[in-house]
Amino acid sequence: MELLSITLQSPAGQPGGGWGMLLMIGMLFVIMYFFMIRPQQKKQKEIQKMRESLKVGDRIITSGGVHGKIKEIEDTVMLIEIAEGVRVKVDKASVFAATNETQASK
């Protein structure tokens, strides 16, 4: 990093020496956007689509690791059955993944 900053510095007395540093900072933000921010946004959109497509009877996993089957769906919460006769109300935002029947039966 030090070598890069030395090469971008202009010799003393030449105008426009700050442009190299601004260019480097701009490039850093562009790289951060494409490698960190954009993939995270895509992942959040996929999770949101999955949450919207859930229906009664689907098996889910919450962010706390609780496995269950959806019994009721309301605006912001779901009622899931985690064992025979044991039902828990969870926030829709806490649903992390949906599992299919073959995975749940293993």
PDB file of N, CA and C in Angstrom:
ATOM      1  N   MET A   1       0.834  -1.183   0.000  1.00  0.00           N
ATOM      2  CA  MET A   1       0.000   0.000   0.000  1.00  0.00           C
ATOM      3  C   MET A   1       0.876   1.242   0.000  1.00  0.00           C
ATOM      4  N   GLU A   2       1.970   1.202   0.745  1.00  0.00           N
ATOM      5  CA  GLU A   2       2.845   2.355   0.819  1.00  0.00           C
ATOM      6  C   GLU A   2       3.472   2.645  -0.545  1.00  0.00           C
ATOM      7  N   LEU A   3       3.855   1.597  -1.269  1.00  0.00           N
ATOM      8  CA  LEU A   3       4.440   1.773  -2.595  1.00  0.00           C
ATOM      9  C   LEU A   3       3.436   2.421  -3.538  1.00  0.00           C
ATOM     10  N   LEU A   4       2.172   2.007  -3.446  1.00  0.00           N
ATOM     11  CA  LEU A   4       1.131   2.578  -4.287  1.00  0.00           C
ATOM     12  C   LEU A   4       0.925   4.051  -3.979  1.00  0.00           C
ATOM     13  N   SER A   5       0.914   4.417  -2.716  1.00  0.00           N
ATOM     14  CA  SER A   5       0.709   5.822  -2.355  1.00  0.00           C
ATOM     15  C   SER A   5       1.909   6.676  -2.753  1.00  0.00           C
ATOM     16  N   ILE A   6       3.107   6.110  -2.723  1.00  0.00           N
ATOM     17  CA  ILE A   6       4.296   6.860  -3.139  1.00  0.00           C
ATOM     18  C   ILE A   6       4.253   7.115  -4.640  1.00  0.00           C
ATOM     19  N   THR A   7       3.812   6.122  -5.413  1.00  0.00           N
ATOM     20  CA  THR A   7       3.785   6.296  -6.870  1.00  0.00           C
ATOM     21  C   THR A   7       2.694   7.260  -7.310  1.00  0.00           C
ATOM     22  N   LEU A   8       1.617   7.407  -6.528  1.00  0.00           N
ATOM     23  CA  LEU A   8       0.544   8.323  -6.900  1.00  0.00           C
ATOM     24  C   LEU A   8       0.817   9.764  -6.498  1.00  0.00           C
ATOM     25  N   GLN A   9       1.797   9.974  -5.635  1.00  0.00           N
ATOM     26  CA  GLN A   9       2.113  11.335  -5.215  1.00  0.00           C
ATOM     27  C   GLN A   9       2.886  12.036  -6.324  1.00  0.00           C
ATOM     28  N   SER A  10       2.539  13.289  -6.537  1.00  0.00           N
ATOM     29  CA  SER A  10       3.263  14.052  -7.559  1.00  0.00           C
ATOM     30  C   SER A  10       4.469  14.720  -6.909  1.00  0.00           C
ATOM     31  N   PRO A  11       5.483  15.000  -7.691  1.00  0.00           N
ATOM     32  CA  PRO A  11       6.646  15.708  -7.152  1.00  0.00           C
ATOM     33  C   PRO A  11       6.232  17.087  -6.641  1.00  0.00           C
ATOM     34  N   ALA A  12       6.960  17.579  -5.699  1.00  0.00           N
ATOM     35  CA  ALA A  12       6.648  18.876  -5.085  1.00  0.00           C
ATOM     36  C   ALA A  12       6.631  19.966  -6.145  1.00  0.00           C
ATOM     37  N   GLY A  13       5.650  20.832  -6.063  1.00  0.00           N
ATOM     38  CA  GLY A  13       5.567  21.952  -6.967  1.00  0.00           C
ATOM     39  C   GLY A  13       4.715  21.724  -8.194  1.00  0.00           C
ATOM     40  N   GLN A  14       4.295  20.496  -8.472  1.00  0.00           N
ATOM     41  CA  GLN A  14       3.449  20.251  -9.642  1.00  0.00           C
ATOM     42  C   GLN A  14       1.983  20.338  -9.221  1.00  0.00           C
ATOM     43  N   PRO A  15       1.173  21.051  -9.982  1.00  0.00           N
ATOM     44  CA  PRO A  15      -0.249  21.157  -9.635  1.00  0.00           C
ATOM     45  C   PRO A  15      -0.995  19.863  -9.947  1.00  0.00           C
ATOM     46  N   GLY A  16      -2.129  19.659  -9.270  1.00  0.00           N
ATOM     47  CA  GLY A  16      -2.963  18.492  -9.543  1.00  0.00           C
ATOM     48  C   GLY A  16      -2.488  17.236  -8.856  1.00  0.00           C
ATOM     49  N   GLY A  17      -1.714  17.341  -7.826  1.00  0.00           N
ATOM     50  CA  GLY A  17      -1.184  16.162  -7.136  1.00  0.00           C
ATOM     51  C   GLY A  17      -2.230  15.404  -6.346  1.00  0.00           C
ATOM     52  N   GLY A  18      -3.329  16.040  -5.979  1.00  0.00           N
ATOM     53  CA  GLY A  18      -4.365  15.380  -5.197  1.00  0.00           C
ATOM     54  C   GLY A  18      -5.284  14.492  -6.011  1.00  0.00           C
ATOM     55  N   TRP A  19      -5.269  14.623  -7.328  1.00  0.00           N
ATOM     56  CA  TRP A  19      -6.149  13.826  -8.169  1.00  0.00           C
ATOM     57  C   TRP A  19      -5.839  12.343  -8.101  1.00  0.00           C
ATOM     58  N   GLY A  20      -4.597  12.008  -7.980  1.00  0.00           N
ATOM     59  CA  GLY A  20      -4.210  10.586  -7.887  1.00  0.00           C
ATOM     60  C   GLY A  20      -4.793   9.939  -6.648  1.00  0.00           C
ATOM     61  N   MET A  21      -4.761  10.657  -5.535  1.00  0.00           N
ATOM     62  CA  MET A  21      -5.306  10.130  -4.290  1.00  0.00           C
ATOM     63  C   MET A  21      -6.826  10.013  -4.376  1.00  0.00           C
ATOM     64  N   LEU A  22      -7.480  11.008  -4.973  1.00  0.00           N
ATOM     65  CA  LEU A  22      -8.929  10.941  -5.131  1.00  0.00           C
ATOM     66  C   LEU A  22      -9.328   9.781  -6.040  1.00  0.00           C
ATOM     67  N   LEU A  23      -8.547   9.563  -7.078  1.00  0.00           N
ATOM     68  CA  LEU A  23      -8.809   8.447  -7.977  1.00  0.00           C
ATOM     69  C   LEU A  23      -8.688   7.111  -7.245  1.00  0.00           C
ATOM     70  N   MET A  24      -7.667   6.982  -6.410  1.00  0.00           N
ATOM     71  CA  MET A  24      -7.458   5.750  -5.649  1.00  0.00           C
ATOM     72  C   MET A  24      -8.616   5.510  -4.677  1.00  0.00           C
ATOM     73  N   ILE A  25      -9.086   6.543  -4.003  1.00  0.00           N
ATOM     74  CA  ILE A  25     -10.201   6.398  -3.064  1.00  0.00           C
ATOM     75  C   ILE A  25     -11.474   6.036  -3.821  1.00  0.00           C
ATOM     76  N   GLY A  26     -11.694   6.666  -4.965  1.00  0.00           N
ATOM     77  CA  GLY A  26     -12.861   6.344  -5.785  1.00  0.00           C
ATOM     78  C   GLY A  26     -12.845   4.897  -6.253  1.00  0.00           C
ATOM     79  N   MET A  27     -11.699   4.424  -6.687  1.00  0.00           N
ATOM     80  CA  MET A  27     -11.560   3.034  -7.117  1.00  0.00           C
ATOM     81  C   MET A  27     -11.832   2.085  -5.961  1.00  0.00           C
ATOM     82  N   LEU A  28     -11.389   2.446  -4.768  1.00  0.00           N
ATOM     83  CA  LEU A  28     -11.626   1.619  -3.594  1.00  0.00           C
ATOM     84  C   LEU A  28     -13.124   1.479  -3.325  1.00  0.00           C
ATOM     85  N   PHE A  29     -13.884   2.579  -3.433  1.00  0.00           N
ATOM     86  CA  PHE A  29     -15.325   2.516  -3.221  1.00  0.00           C
ATOM     87  C   PHE A  29     -16.014   1.676  -4.289  1.00  0.00           C
ATOM     88  N   VAL A  30     -15.582   1.783  -5.531  1.00  0.00           N
ATOM     89  CA  VAL A  30     -16.171   0.990  -6.614  1.00  0.00           C
ATOM     90  C   VAL A  30     -15.922  -0.496  -6.362  1.00  0.00           C
ATOM     91  N   ILE A  31     -14.714  -0.843  -5.978  1.00  0.00           N
ATOM     92  CA  ILE A  31     -14.379  -2.239  -5.695  1.00  0.00           C
ATOM     93  C   ILE A  31     -15.192  -2.754  -4.522  1.00  0.00           C
ATOM     94  N   MET A  32     -15.316  -1.956  -3.462  1.00  0.00           N
ATOM     95  CA  MET A  32     -16.111  -2.373  -2.301  1.00  0.00           C
ATOM     96  C   MET A  32     -17.570  -2.597  -2.704  1.00  0.00           C
ATOM     97  N   TYR A  33     -18.112  -1.745  -3.556  1.00  0.00           N
ATOM     98  CA  TYR A  33     -19.502  -1.886  -3.977  1.00  0.00           C
ATOM     99  C   TYR A  33     -19.724  -3.204  -4.707  1.00  0.00           C
ATOM    100  N   PHE A  34     -18.870  -3.504  -5.696  1.00  0.00           N
ATOM    101  CA  PHE A  34     -19.086  -4.695  -6.509  1.00  0.00           C
ATOM    102  C   PHE A  34     -18.727  -5.995  -5.798  1.00  0.00           C
ATOM    103  N   PHE A  35     -17.844  -5.975  -4.821  1.00  0.00           N
ATOM    104  CA  PHE A  35     -17.455  -7.206  -4.151  1.00  0.00           C
ATOM    105  C   PHE A  35     -18.100  -7.407  -2.786  1.00  0.00           C
ATOM    106  N   MET A  36     -18.660  -6.363  -2.205  1.00  0.00           N
ATOM    107  CA  MET A  36     -19.231  -6.517  -0.865  1.00  0.00           C
ATOM    108  C   MET A  36     -20.705  -6.110  -0.797  1.00  0.00           C
ATOM    109  N   ILE A  37     -21.033  -4.936  -1.249  1.00  0.00           N
ATOM    110  CA  ILE A  37     -22.378  -4.401  -1.058  1.00  0.00           C
ATOM    111  C   ILE A  37     -23.379  -5.046  -2.016  1.00  0.00           C
ATOM    112  N   ARG A  38     -23.061  -5.106  -3.283  1.00  0.00           N
ATOM    113  CA  ARG A  38     -23.995  -5.631  -4.277  1.00  0.00           C
ATOM    114  C   ARG A  38     -24.353  -7.104  -4.045  1.00  0.00           C
ATOM    115  N   PRO A  39     -23.389  -7.999  -3.768  1.00  0.00           N
ATOM    116  CA  PRO A  39     -23.772  -9.394  -3.494  1.00  0.00           C
ATOM    117  C   PRO A  39     -24.673  -9.522  -2.261  1.00  0.00           C
ATOM    118  N   GLN A  40     -24.430  -8.700  -1.252  1.00  0.00           N
ATOM    119  CA  GLN A  40     -25.260  -8.755  -0.055  1.00  0.00           C
ATOM    120  C   GLN A  40     -26.688  -8.314  -0.372  1.00  0.00           C
ATOM    121  N   GLN A  41     -26.844  -7.301  -1.216  1.00  0.00           N
ATOM    122  CA  GLN A  41     -28.178  -6.846  -1.608  1.00  0.00           C
ATOM    123  C   GLN A  41     -28.912  -7.934  -2.384  1.00  0.00           C
ATOM    124  N   LYS A  42     -28.211  -8.631  -3.271  1.00  0.00           N
ATOM    125  CA  LYS A  42     -28.824  -9.722  -4.024  1.00  0.00           C
ATOM    126  C   LYS A  42     -29.290 -10.836  -3.091  1.00  0.00           C
ATOM    127  N   LYS A  43     -28.466 -11.162  -2.116  1.00  0.00           N
ATOM    128  CA  LYS A  43     -28.820 -12.216  -1.167  1.00  0.00           C
ATOM    129  C   LYS A  43     -30.050 -11.824  -0.353  1.00  0.00           C
ATOM    130  N   GLN A  44     -30.124 -10.569   0.079  1.00  0.00           N
ATOM    131  CA  GLN A  44     -31.278 -10.104   0.839  1.00  0.00           C
ATOM    132  C   GLN A  44     -32.555 -10.166  -0.004  1.00  0.00           C
ATOM    133  N   LYS A  45     -32.466  -9.838  -1.294  1.00  0.00           N
ATOM    134  CA  LYS A  45     -33.636  -9.919  -2.166  1.00  0.00           C
ATOM    135  C   LYS A  45     -34.108 -11.361  -2.317  1.00  0.00           C
ATOM    136  N   GLU A  46     -33.166 -12.314  -2.444  1.00  0.00           N
ATOM    137  CA  GLU A  46     -33.527 -13.726  -2.551  1.00  0.00           C
ATOM    138  C   GLU A  46     -34.220 -14.206  -1.287  1.00  0.00           C
ATOM    139  N   ILE A  47     -33.706 -13.816  -0.130  1.00  0.00           N
ATOM    140  CA  ILE A  47     -34.316 -14.213   1.144  1.00  0.00           C
ATOM    141  C   ILE A  47     -35.719 -13.627   1.256  1.00  0.00           C
ATOM    142  N   GLN A  48     -35.894 -12.372   0.845  1.00  0.00           N
ATOM    143  CA  GLN A  48     -37.207 -11.732   0.893  1.00  0.00           C
ATOM    144  C   GLN A  48     -38.198 -12.448  -0.019  1.00  0.00           C
ATOM    145  N   LYS A  49     -37.756 -12.839  -1.223  1.00  0.00           N
ATOM    146  CA  LYS A  49     -38.632 -13.581  -2.137  1.00  0.00           C
ATOM    147  C   LYS A  49     -39.043 -14.911  -1.518  1.00  0.00           C
ATOM    148  N   MET A  50     -38.091 -15.593  -0.882  1.00  0.00           N
ATOM    149  CA  MET A  50     -38.377 -16.870  -0.246  1.00  0.00           C
ATOM    150  C   MET A  50     -39.410 -16.685   0.862  1.00  0.00           C
ATOM    151  N   ARG A  51     -39.284 -15.639   1.674  1.00  0.00           N
ATOM    152  CA  ARG A  51     -40.231 -15.385   2.765  1.00  0.00           C
ATOM    153  C   ARG A  51     -41.625 -15.092   2.228  1.00  0.00           C
ATOM    154  N   GLU A  52     -41.700 -14.366   1.116  1.00  0.00           N
ATOM    155  CA  GLU A  52     -43.001 -14.034   0.532  1.00  0.00           C
ATOM    156  C   GLU A  52     -43.676 -15.248  -0.095  1.00  0.00           C
ATOM    157  N   SER A  53     -42.905 -16.232  -0.523  1.00  0.00           N
ATOM    158  CA  SER A  53     -43.475 -17.405  -1.182  1.00  0.00           C
ATOM    159  C   SER A  53     -43.863 -18.512  -0.209  1.00  0.00           C
ATOM    160  N   LEU A  54     -43.601 -18.343   1.086  1.00  0.00           N
ATOM    161  CA  LEU A  54     -43.949 -19.375   2.064  1.00  0.00           C
ATOM    162  C   LEU A  54     -45.460 -19.512   2.181  1.00  0.00           C
ATOM    163  N   LYS A  55     -45.903 -20.747   2.423  1.00  0.00           N
ATOM    164  CA  LYS A  55     -47.328 -21.008   2.590  1.00  0.00           C
ATOM    165  C   LYS A  55     -47.515 -22.006   3.736  1.00  0.00           C
ATOM    166  N   VAL A  56     -48.756 -22.159   4.153  1.00  0.00           N
ATOM    167  CA  VAL A  56     -49.087 -23.086   5.241  1.00  0.00           C
ATOM    168  C   VAL A  56     -48.663 -24.495   4.835  1.00  0.00           C
ATOM    169  N   GLY A  57     -47.992 -25.188   5.753  1.00  0.00           N
ATOM    170  CA  GLY A  57     -47.520 -26.550   5.503  1.00  0.00           C
ATOM    171  C   GLY A  57     -46.042 -26.630   5.155  1.00  0.00           C
ATOM    172  N   ASP A  58     -45.408 -25.514   4.788  1.00  0.00           N
ATOM    173  CA  ASP A  58     -43.974 -25.519   4.475  1.00  0.00           C
ATOM    174  C   ASP A  58     -43.162 -25.715   5.750  1.00  0.00           C
ATOM    175  N   ARG A  59     -42.050 -26.385   5.613  1.00  0.00           N
ATOM    176  CA  ARG A  59     -41.120 -26.540   6.740  1.00  0.00           C
ATOM    177  C   ARG A  59     -40.073 -25.438   6.641  1.00  0.00           C
ATOM    178  N   ILE A  60     -39.759 -24.836   7.792  1.00  0.00           N
ATOM    179  CA  ILE A  60     -38.829 -23.699   7.823  1.00  0.00           C
ATOM    180  C   ILE A  60     -37.810 -23.873   8.925  1.00  0.00           C
ATOM    181  N   ILE A  61     -36.770 -23.043   8.848  1.00  0.00           N
ATOM    182  CA  ILE A  61     -35.764 -22.929   9.899  1.00  0.00           C
ATOM    183  C   ILE A  61     -35.671 -21.450  10.239  1.00  0.00           C
ATOM    184  N   THR A  62     -35.765 -21.122  11.523  1.00  0.00           N
ATOM    185  CA  THR A  62     -35.641 -19.729  11.933  1.00  0.00           C
ATOM    186  C   THR A  62     -34.177 -19.372  12.100  1.00  0.00           C
ATOM    187  N   SER A  63     -33.905 -18.080  12.235  1.00  0.00           N
ATOM    188  CA  SER A  63     -32.523 -17.643  12.417  1.00  0.00           C
ATOM    189  C   SER A  63     -31.944 -18.136  13.736  1.00  0.00           C
ATOM    190  N   GLY A  64     -32.792 -18.515  14.671  1.00  0.00           N
ATOM    191  CA  GLY A  64     -32.326 -19.086  15.941  1.00  0.00           C
ATOM    192  C   GLY A  64     -32.091 -20.577  15.869  1.00  0.00           C
ATOM    193  N   GLY A  65     -32.390 -21.196  14.725  1.00  0.00           N
ATOM    194  CA  GLY A  65     -32.137 -22.620  14.549  1.00  0.00           C
ATOM    195  C   GLY A  65     -33.327 -23.507  14.866  1.00  0.00           C
ATOM    196  N   VAL A  66     -34.495 -22.932  15.079  1.00  0.00           N
ATOM    197  CA  VAL A  66     -35.686 -23.714  15.387  1.00  0.00           C
ATOM    198  C   VAL A  66     -36.306 -24.217  14.079  1.00  0.00           C
ATOM    199  N   HIS A  67     -36.525 -25.526  14.008  1.00  0.00           N
ATOM    200  CA  HIS A  67     -37.153 -26.150  12.845  1.00  0.00           C
ATOM    201  C   HIS A  67     -38.631 -26.325  13.134  1.00  0.00           C
ATOM    202  N   GLY A  68     -39.460 -26.053  12.142  1.00  0.00           N
ATOM    203  CA  GLY A  68     -40.884 -26.212  12.359  1.00  0.00           C
ATOM    204  C   GLY A  68     -41.664 -26.222  11.073  1.00  0.00           C
ATOM    205  N   LYS A  69     -42.969 -26.425  11.222  1.00  0.00           N
ATOM    206  CA  LYS A  69     -43.891 -26.465  10.086  1.00  0.00           C
ATOM    207  C   LYS A  69     -44.890 -25.329  10.259  1.00  0.00           C
ATOM    208  N   ILE A  70     -45.122 -24.562   9.190  1.00  0.00           N
ATOM    209  CA  ILE A  70     -46.011 -23.409   9.267  1.00  0.00           C
ATOM    210  C   ILE A  70     -47.460 -23.879   9.405  1.00  0.00           C
ATOM    211  N   LYS A  71     -48.144 -23.337  10.417  1.00  0.00           N
ATOM    212  CA  LYS A  71     -49.559 -23.637  10.632  1.00  0.00           C
ATOM    213  C   LYS A  71     -50.450 -22.461  10.253  1.00  0.00           C
ATOM    214  N   GLU A  72     -49.998 -21.222  10.510  1.00  0.00           N
ATOM    215  CA  GLU A  72     -50.757 -20.030  10.156  1.00  0.00           C
ATOM    216  C   GLU A  72     -49.787 -18.939   9.740  1.00  0.00           C
ATOM    217  N   ILE A  73     -50.252 -18.074   8.829  1.00  0.00           N
ATOM    218  CA  ILE A  73     -49.440 -16.937   8.405  1.00  0.00           C
ATOM    219  C   ILE A  73     -50.282 -15.675   8.546  1.00  0.00           C
ATOM    220  N   GLU A  74     -49.731 -14.682   9.247  1.00  0.00           N
ATOM    221  CA  GLU A  74     -50.381 -13.380   9.381  1.00  0.00           C
ATOM    222  C   GLU A  74     -49.495 -12.350   8.685  1.00  0.00           C
ATOM    223  N   ASP A  75     -49.778 -11.063   8.887  1.00  0.00           N
ATOM    224  CA  ASP A  75     -49.019 -10.011   8.212  1.00  0.00           C
ATOM    225  C   ASP A  75     -47.538 -10.041   8.562  1.00  0.00           C
ATOM    226  N   THR A  76     -47.222 -10.041   9.851  1.00  0.00           N
ATOM    227  CA  THR A  76     -45.821  -9.952  10.264  1.00  0.00           C
ATOM    228  C   THR A  76     -45.342 -11.160  11.061  1.00  0.00           C
ATOM    229  N   VAL A  77     -46.243 -12.067  11.409  1.00  0.00           N
ATOM    230  CA  VAL A  77     -45.857 -13.227  12.223  1.00  0.00           C
ATOM    231  C   VAL A  77     -46.388 -14.516  11.613  1.00  0.00           C
ATOM    232  N   MET A  78     -45.784 -15.622  12.059  1.00  0.00           N
ATOM    233  CA  MET A  78     -46.212 -16.959  11.646  1.00  0.00           C
ATOM    234  C   MET A  78     -46.370 -17.817  12.888  1.00  0.00           C
ATOM    235  N   LEU A  79     -47.291 -18.736  12.824  1.00  0.00           N
ATOM    236  CA  LEU A  79     -47.452 -19.728  13.872  1.00  0.00           C
ATOM    237  C   LEU A  79     -46.848 -21.008  13.330  1.00  0.00           C
ATOM    238  N   ILE A  80     -45.802 -21.498  13.985  1.00  0.00           N
ATOM    239  CA  ILE A  80     -45.158 -22.725  13.512  1.00  0.00           C
ATOM    240  C   ILE A  80     -45.276 -23.803  14.574  1.00  0.00           C
ATOM    241  N   GLU A  81     -45.376 -25.034  14.116  1.00  0.00           N
ATOM    242  CA  GLU A  81     -45.439 -26.186  15.023  1.00  0.00           C
ATOM    243  C   GLU A  81     -44.053 -26.811  15.052  1.00  0.00           C
ATOM    244  N   ILE A  82     -43.446 -26.829  16.244  1.00  0.00           N
ATOM    245  CA  ILE A  82     -42.091 -27.357  16.365  1.00  0.00           C
ATOM    246  C   ILE A  82     -42.078 -28.794  16.886  1.00  0.00           C
ATOM    247  N   ALA A  83     -43.175 -29.229  17.473  1.00  0.00           N
ATOM    248  CA  ALA A  83     -43.348 -30.614  17.913  1.00  0.00           C
ATOM    249  C   ALA A  83     -44.850 -30.880  17.950  1.00  0.00           C
ATOM    250  N   GLU A  84     -45.225 -32.121  18.160  1.00  0.00           N
ATOM    251  CA  GLU A  84     -46.632 -32.489  18.203  1.00  0.00           C
ATOM    252  C   GLU A  84     -47.359 -31.670  19.266  1.00  0.00           C
ATOM    253  N   GLY A  85     -48.225 -30.772  18.824  1.00  0.00           N
ATOM    254  CA  GLY A  85     -49.022 -29.959  19.743  1.00  0.00           C
ATOM    255  C   GLY A  85     -48.299 -28.754  20.330  1.00  0.00           C
ATOM    256  N   VAL A  86     -47.054 -28.508  19.939  1.00  0.00           N
ATOM    257  CA  VAL A  86     -46.296 -27.360  20.440  1.00  0.00           C
ATOM    258  C   VAL A  86     -46.181 -26.331  19.323  1.00  0.00           C
ATOM    259  N   ARG A  87     -46.830 -25.194  19.529  1.00  0.00           N
ATOM    260  CA  ARG A  87     -46.843 -24.150  18.502  1.00  0.00           C
ATOM    261  C   ARG A  87     -46.208 -22.886  19.050  1.00  0.00           C
ATOM    262  N   VAL A  88     -45.436 -22.219  18.181  1.00  0.00           N
ATOM    263  CA  VAL A  88     -44.711 -21.017  18.564  1.00  0.00           C
ATOM    264  C   VAL A  88     -44.994 -19.943  17.527  1.00  0.00           C
ATOM    265  N   LYS A  89     -45.198 -18.718  17.993  1.00  0.00           N
ATOM    266  CA  LYS A  89     -45.408 -17.589  17.091  1.00  0.00           C
ATOM    267  C   LYS A  89     -44.056 -16.917  16.881  1.00  0.00           C
ATOM    268  N   VAL A  90     -43.637 -16.781  15.621  1.00  0.00           N
ATOM    269  CA  VAL A  90     -42.350 -16.158  15.295  1.00  0.00           C
ATOM    270  C   VAL A  90     -42.559 -15.040  14.290  1.00  0.00           C
ATOM    271  N   ASP A  91     -41.662 -14.086  14.296  1.00  0.00           N
ATOM    272  CA  ASP A  91     -41.689 -12.989  13.339  1.00  0.00           C
ATOM    273  C   ASP A  91     -41.260 -13.506  11.969  1.00  0.00           C
ATOM    274  N   LYS A  92     -41.889 -13.008  10.904  1.00  0.00           N
ATOM    275  CA  LYS A  92     -41.522 -13.448   9.553  1.00  0.00           C
ATOM    276  C   LYS A  92     -40.058 -13.153   9.235  1.00  0.00           C
ATOM    277  N   ALA A  93     -39.537 -12.063   9.771  1.00  0.00           N
ATOM    278  CA  ALA A  93     -38.149 -11.685   9.493  1.00  0.00           C
ATOM    279  C   ALA A  93     -37.156 -12.670  10.092  1.00  0.00           C
ATOM    280  N   SER A  94     -37.593 -13.499  11.049  1.00  0.00           N
ATOM    281  CA  SER A  94     -36.669 -14.454  11.658  1.00  0.00           C
ATOM    282  C   SER A  94     -36.569 -15.754  10.876  1.00  0.00           C
ATOM    283  N   VAL A  95     -37.373 -15.915   9.821  1.00  0.00           N
ATOM    284  CA  VAL A  95     -37.297 -17.122   8.995  1.00  0.00           C
ATOM    285  C   VAL A  95     -36.059 -17.026   8.122  1.00  0.00           C
ATOM    286  N   PHE A  96     -35.192 -18.017   8.274  1.00  0.00           N
ATOM    287  CA  PHE A  96     -33.903 -18.005   7.585  1.00  0.00           C
ATOM    288  C   PHE A  96     -33.931 -18.849   6.323  1.00  0.00           C
ATOM    289  N   ALA A  97     -34.589 -20.002   6.379  1.00  0.00           N
ATOM    290  CA  ALA A  97     -34.575 -20.902   5.227  1.00  0.00           C
ATOM    291  C   ALA A  97     -35.824 -21.761   5.225  1.00  0.00           C
ATOM    292  N   ALA A  98     -36.185 -22.217   4.048  1.00  0.00           N
ATOM    293  CA  ALA A  98     -37.274 -23.175   3.888  1.00  0.00           C
ATOM    294  C   ALA A  98     -36.644 -24.506   3.495  1.00  0.00           C
ATOM    295  N   THR A  99     -37.133 -25.579   4.092  1.00  0.00           N
ATOM    296  CA  THR A  99     -36.596 -26.901   3.768  1.00  0.00           C
ATOM    297  C   THR A  99     -37.666 -27.691   3.042  1.00  0.00           C
ATOM    298  N   ASN A 100     -37.228 -28.648   2.244  1.00  0.00           N
ATOM    299  CA  ASN A 100     -38.220 -29.489   1.582  1.00  0.00           C
ATOM    300  C   ASN A 100     -38.448 -30.744   2.417  1.00  0.00           C
ATOM    301  N   GLU A 101     -39.430 -31.522   2.081  1.00  0.00           N
ATOM    302  CA  GLU A 101     -39.842 -32.692   2.879  1.00  0.00           C
ATOM    303  C   GLU A 101     -38.737 -33.738   2.969  1.00  0.00           C
ATOM    304  N   THR A 102     -37.930 -33.923   1.915  1.00  0.00           N
ATOM    305  CA  THR A 102     -36.905 -34.953   1.949  1.00  0.00           C
ATOM    306  C   THR A 102     -35.816 -34.612   2.946  1.00  0.00           C
ATOM    307  N   GLN A 103     -35.458 -33.337   3.052  1.00  0.00           N
ATOM    308  CA  GLN A 103     -34.448 -32.940   4.028  1.00  0.00           C
ATOM    309  C   GLN A 103     -34.985 -33.065   5.438  1.00  0.00           C
ATOM    310  N   ALA A 104     -36.250 -32.718   5.659  1.00  0.00           N
ATOM    311  CA  ALA A 104     -36.830 -32.743   6.996  1.00  0.00           C
ATOM    312  C   ALA A 104     -37.010 -34.167   7.504  1.00  0.00           C
ATOM    313  N   SER A 105     -37.201 -35.130   6.614  1.00  0.00           N
ATOM    314  CA  SER A 105     -37.444 -36.497   7.060  1.00  0.00           C
ATOM    315  C   SER A 105     -36.167 -37.273   7.344  1.00  0.00           C
ATOM    316  N   LYS A 106     -35.008 -36.750   6.968  1.00  0.00           N
ATOM    317  CA  LYS A 106     -33.730 -37.470   7.192  1.00  0.00           C
ATOM    318  C   LYS A 106     -33.309 -37.450   8.625  1.00  0.00           C
TER     319      LYS A 106
END
